[in-house]
N, C-alpha and C. Protein backbone atom coordinates (compact mmCIF):
# COMPACT_ATOMS: atom_id res chain seq x y z
N UNK A 1 222.19 44.85 -7.93
CA UNK A 1 222.28 44.63 -9.35
C UNK A 1 223.74 44.37 -9.72
N UNK A 2 223.99 43.45 -10.58
CA UNK A 2 225.34 43.09 -11.00
C UNK A 2 226.00 44.22 -11.77
N UNK A 3 227.29 44.43 -11.52
CA UNK A 3 228.04 45.43 -12.26
C UNK A 3 229.43 44.94 -12.64
N UNK A 4 229.69 43.65 -12.47
CA UNK A 4 230.97 43.06 -12.82
C UNK A 4 230.74 42.08 -13.97
N UNK A 5 231.38 42.35 -15.12
CA UNK A 5 231.21 41.53 -16.31
C UNK A 5 231.99 40.23 -16.27
N UNK A 6 231.85 39.44 -17.32
CA UNK A 6 232.42 38.09 -17.38
C UNK A 6 233.93 38.01 -17.24
N UNK A 7 234.66 38.76 -18.06
CA UNK A 7 236.12 38.70 -18.00
C UNK A 7 236.62 39.29 -16.68
N UNK A 8 236.06 40.42 -16.28
CA UNK A 8 236.42 41.05 -15.02
C UNK A 8 236.15 40.10 -13.86
N UNK A 9 235.03 39.43 -13.92
CA UNK A 9 234.64 38.48 -12.87
C UNK A 9 235.63 37.31 -12.79
N UNK A 10 235.98 36.75 -13.94
CA UNK A 10 236.92 35.62 -13.97
C UNK A 10 238.29 36.04 -13.43
N UNK A 11 238.76 37.21 -13.82
CA UNK A 11 240.05 37.69 -13.34
C UNK A 11 240.03 37.92 -11.83
N UNK A 12 238.95 38.47 -11.33
CA UNK A 12 238.84 38.69 -9.89
C UNK A 12 238.88 37.37 -9.13
N UNK A 13 238.19 36.36 -9.63
CA UNK A 13 238.16 35.07 -8.96
C UNK A 13 239.54 34.41 -8.98
N UNK A 14 240.21 34.45 -10.12
CA UNK A 14 241.54 33.82 -10.23
C UNK A 14 242.56 34.54 -9.37
N UNK A 15 242.64 35.85 -9.50
CA UNK A 15 243.63 36.62 -8.75
C UNK A 15 243.32 36.58 -7.25
N UNK A 16 242.07 36.79 -6.89
CA UNK A 16 241.70 36.74 -5.48
C UNK A 16 241.96 35.37 -4.87
N UNK A 17 241.62 34.33 -5.60
CA UNK A 17 241.87 32.97 -5.12
C UNK A 17 243.35 32.68 -4.95
N UNK A 18 244.16 33.18 -5.88
CA UNK A 18 245.61 32.97 -5.80
C UNK A 18 246.20 33.69 -4.59
N UNK A 19 245.76 34.90 -4.35
CA UNK A 19 246.28 35.66 -3.21
C UNK A 19 245.84 35.02 -1.90
N UNK A 20 244.60 34.57 -1.83
CA UNK A 20 244.13 33.88 -0.63
C UNK A 20 244.91 32.58 -0.43
N UNK A 21 245.19 31.86 -1.50
CA UNK A 21 245.93 30.60 -1.40
C UNK A 21 247.34 30.82 -0.86
N UNK A 22 247.92 31.97 -1.10
CA UNK A 22 249.26 32.25 -0.60
C UNK A 22 249.34 32.21 0.93
N UNK A 23 248.22 32.43 1.58
CA UNK A 23 248.23 32.39 3.05
C UNK A 23 248.37 30.97 3.58
N UNK A 24 248.14 29.97 2.75
CA UNK A 24 248.18 28.58 3.20
C UNK A 24 249.46 27.86 2.79
N UNK A 25 250.32 28.50 2.04
CA UNK A 25 251.57 27.86 1.61
C UNK A 25 252.75 28.71 2.04
N UNK A 26 253.87 28.06 2.20
CA UNK A 26 255.10 28.78 2.55
C UNK A 26 255.30 28.89 4.04
N UNK A 27 256.53 29.14 4.42
CA UNK A 27 256.87 29.21 5.85
C UNK A 27 256.45 30.51 6.53
N UNK A 28 256.09 31.53 5.77
CA UNK A 28 255.79 32.83 6.34
C UNK A 28 254.30 33.15 6.28
N UNK A 29 253.47 32.22 6.69
CA UNK A 29 252.03 32.41 6.59
C UNK A 29 251.52 33.52 7.50
N UNK A 30 252.19 33.78 8.63
CA UNK A 30 251.75 34.87 9.51
C UNK A 30 251.92 36.22 8.83
N UNK A 31 252.98 36.37 8.06
CA UNK A 31 253.23 37.62 7.35
C UNK A 31 252.24 37.77 6.19
N UNK A 32 251.85 36.68 5.58
CA UNK A 32 250.96 36.73 4.42
C UNK A 32 249.49 36.80 4.77
N UNK A 33 249.13 36.64 6.04
CA UNK A 33 247.72 36.64 6.44
C UNK A 33 246.97 37.90 5.99
N UNK A 34 247.53 39.11 6.17
CA UNK A 34 246.82 40.30 5.68
C UNK A 34 246.59 40.27 4.17
N UNK A 35 247.50 39.68 3.43
CA UNK A 35 247.31 39.56 1.98
C UNK A 35 246.14 38.64 1.67
N UNK A 36 245.93 37.65 2.50
CA UNK A 36 244.78 36.77 2.32
C UNK A 36 243.47 37.51 2.48
N UNK A 37 243.44 38.42 3.44
CA UNK A 37 242.25 39.24 3.64
C UNK A 37 242.05 40.19 2.46
N UNK A 38 243.13 40.74 1.97
CA UNK A 38 243.06 41.62 0.79
C UNK A 38 242.60 40.83 -0.43
N UNK A 39 243.08 39.60 -0.58
CA UNK A 39 242.68 38.76 -1.70
C UNK A 39 241.23 38.33 -1.64
N UNK A 40 240.65 38.34 -0.44
CA UNK A 40 239.25 37.95 -0.30
C UNK A 40 238.31 38.95 -0.95
N UNK A 41 238.73 40.22 -1.03
CA UNK A 41 237.86 41.25 -1.60
C UNK A 41 237.58 40.98 -3.08
N UNK A 42 238.60 40.83 -3.94
CA UNK A 42 238.27 40.54 -5.34
C UNK A 42 237.62 39.17 -5.52
N UNK A 43 237.98 38.21 -4.68
CA UNK A 43 237.37 36.89 -4.77
C UNK A 43 235.87 36.97 -4.51
N UNK A 44 235.48 37.63 -3.46
CA UNK A 44 234.06 37.74 -3.12
C UNK A 44 233.31 38.58 -4.15
N UNK A 45 233.89 39.71 -4.56
CA UNK A 45 233.20 40.55 -5.55
C UNK A 45 233.07 39.81 -6.88
N UNK A 46 234.03 38.98 -7.20
CA UNK A 46 233.93 38.18 -8.42
C UNK A 46 232.87 37.11 -8.32
N UNK A 47 232.77 36.49 -7.16
CA UNK A 47 231.78 35.44 -6.96
C UNK A 47 230.35 35.96 -6.96
N UNK A 48 230.14 37.13 -6.36
CA UNK A 48 228.78 37.66 -6.30
C UNK A 48 228.44 38.54 -7.50
N UNK A 49 229.46 38.99 -8.24
CA UNK A 49 229.21 39.78 -9.44
C UNK A 49 228.86 41.24 -9.20
N UNK A 50 229.16 41.73 -8.00
CA UNK A 50 228.85 43.11 -7.66
C UNK A 50 230.02 43.72 -6.91
N UNK A 51 230.43 44.91 -7.32
CA UNK A 51 231.55 45.61 -6.70
C UNK A 51 231.05 46.93 -6.13
N UNK A 52 231.19 47.13 -4.81
CA UNK A 52 230.72 48.38 -4.21
C UNK A 52 231.46 49.61 -4.76
N UNK A 53 232.74 49.48 -5.06
CA UNK A 53 233.50 50.62 -5.61
C UNK A 53 232.96 51.00 -6.99
N UNK A 54 232.61 50.02 -7.81
CA UNK A 54 232.02 50.32 -9.11
C UNK A 54 230.70 51.07 -8.93
N UNK A 55 229.90 50.66 -7.96
CA UNK A 55 228.62 51.33 -7.70
C UNK A 55 228.85 52.77 -7.24
N UNK A 56 229.84 52.95 -6.40
CA UNK A 56 230.15 54.28 -5.87
C UNK A 56 230.51 55.26 -6.99
N UNK A 57 231.29 54.78 -7.98
CA UNK A 57 231.74 55.63 -9.07
C UNK A 57 230.89 55.51 -10.33
N UNK A 58 229.83 54.73 -10.28
CA UNK A 58 228.93 54.59 -11.42
C UNK A 58 229.52 53.82 -12.58
N UNK A 59 230.41 52.87 -12.30
CA UNK A 59 231.04 52.06 -13.34
C UNK A 59 230.38 50.71 -13.46
N UNK A 60 230.59 50.08 -14.60
CA UNK A 60 230.09 48.73 -14.83
C UNK A 60 230.87 48.09 -15.96
N UNK A 61 231.29 46.85 -15.78
CA UNK A 61 231.92 46.10 -16.86
C UNK A 61 230.99 45.02 -17.40
N UNK A 62 229.78 45.01 -16.90
CA UNK A 62 228.77 44.05 -17.32
C UNK A 62 227.97 44.66 -18.47
N UNK A 63 228.16 44.12 -19.67
CA UNK A 63 227.50 44.69 -20.86
C UNK A 63 225.99 44.42 -20.87
N UNK A 64 225.57 43.28 -20.34
CA UNK A 64 224.15 42.94 -20.37
C UNK A 64 223.39 43.52 -19.20
N UNK A 65 224.11 44.07 -18.21
CA UNK A 65 223.47 44.63 -17.02
C UNK A 65 223.47 46.14 -17.11
N UNK A 66 222.32 46.70 -17.08
CA UNK A 66 222.20 48.17 -17.10
C UNK A 66 222.04 48.67 -15.68
N UNK A 67 222.91 49.62 -15.27
CA UNK A 67 222.81 50.16 -13.91
C UNK A 67 222.14 51.51 -13.92
């Protein structure tokens, strides 16, 4: 069940995408690779609309979704 709302979802996609994109630019891509993996977490949770940490703590930013 979805637990990530619209604004939260958009921010996760933008920020996660930006962090992942950092792994493909610049001369220090080997150093930034772990950041790309970290950036994949908000990107994926934003795309699917579900956050396991929110479920664990019983949180939800989705107003139309009742958990």
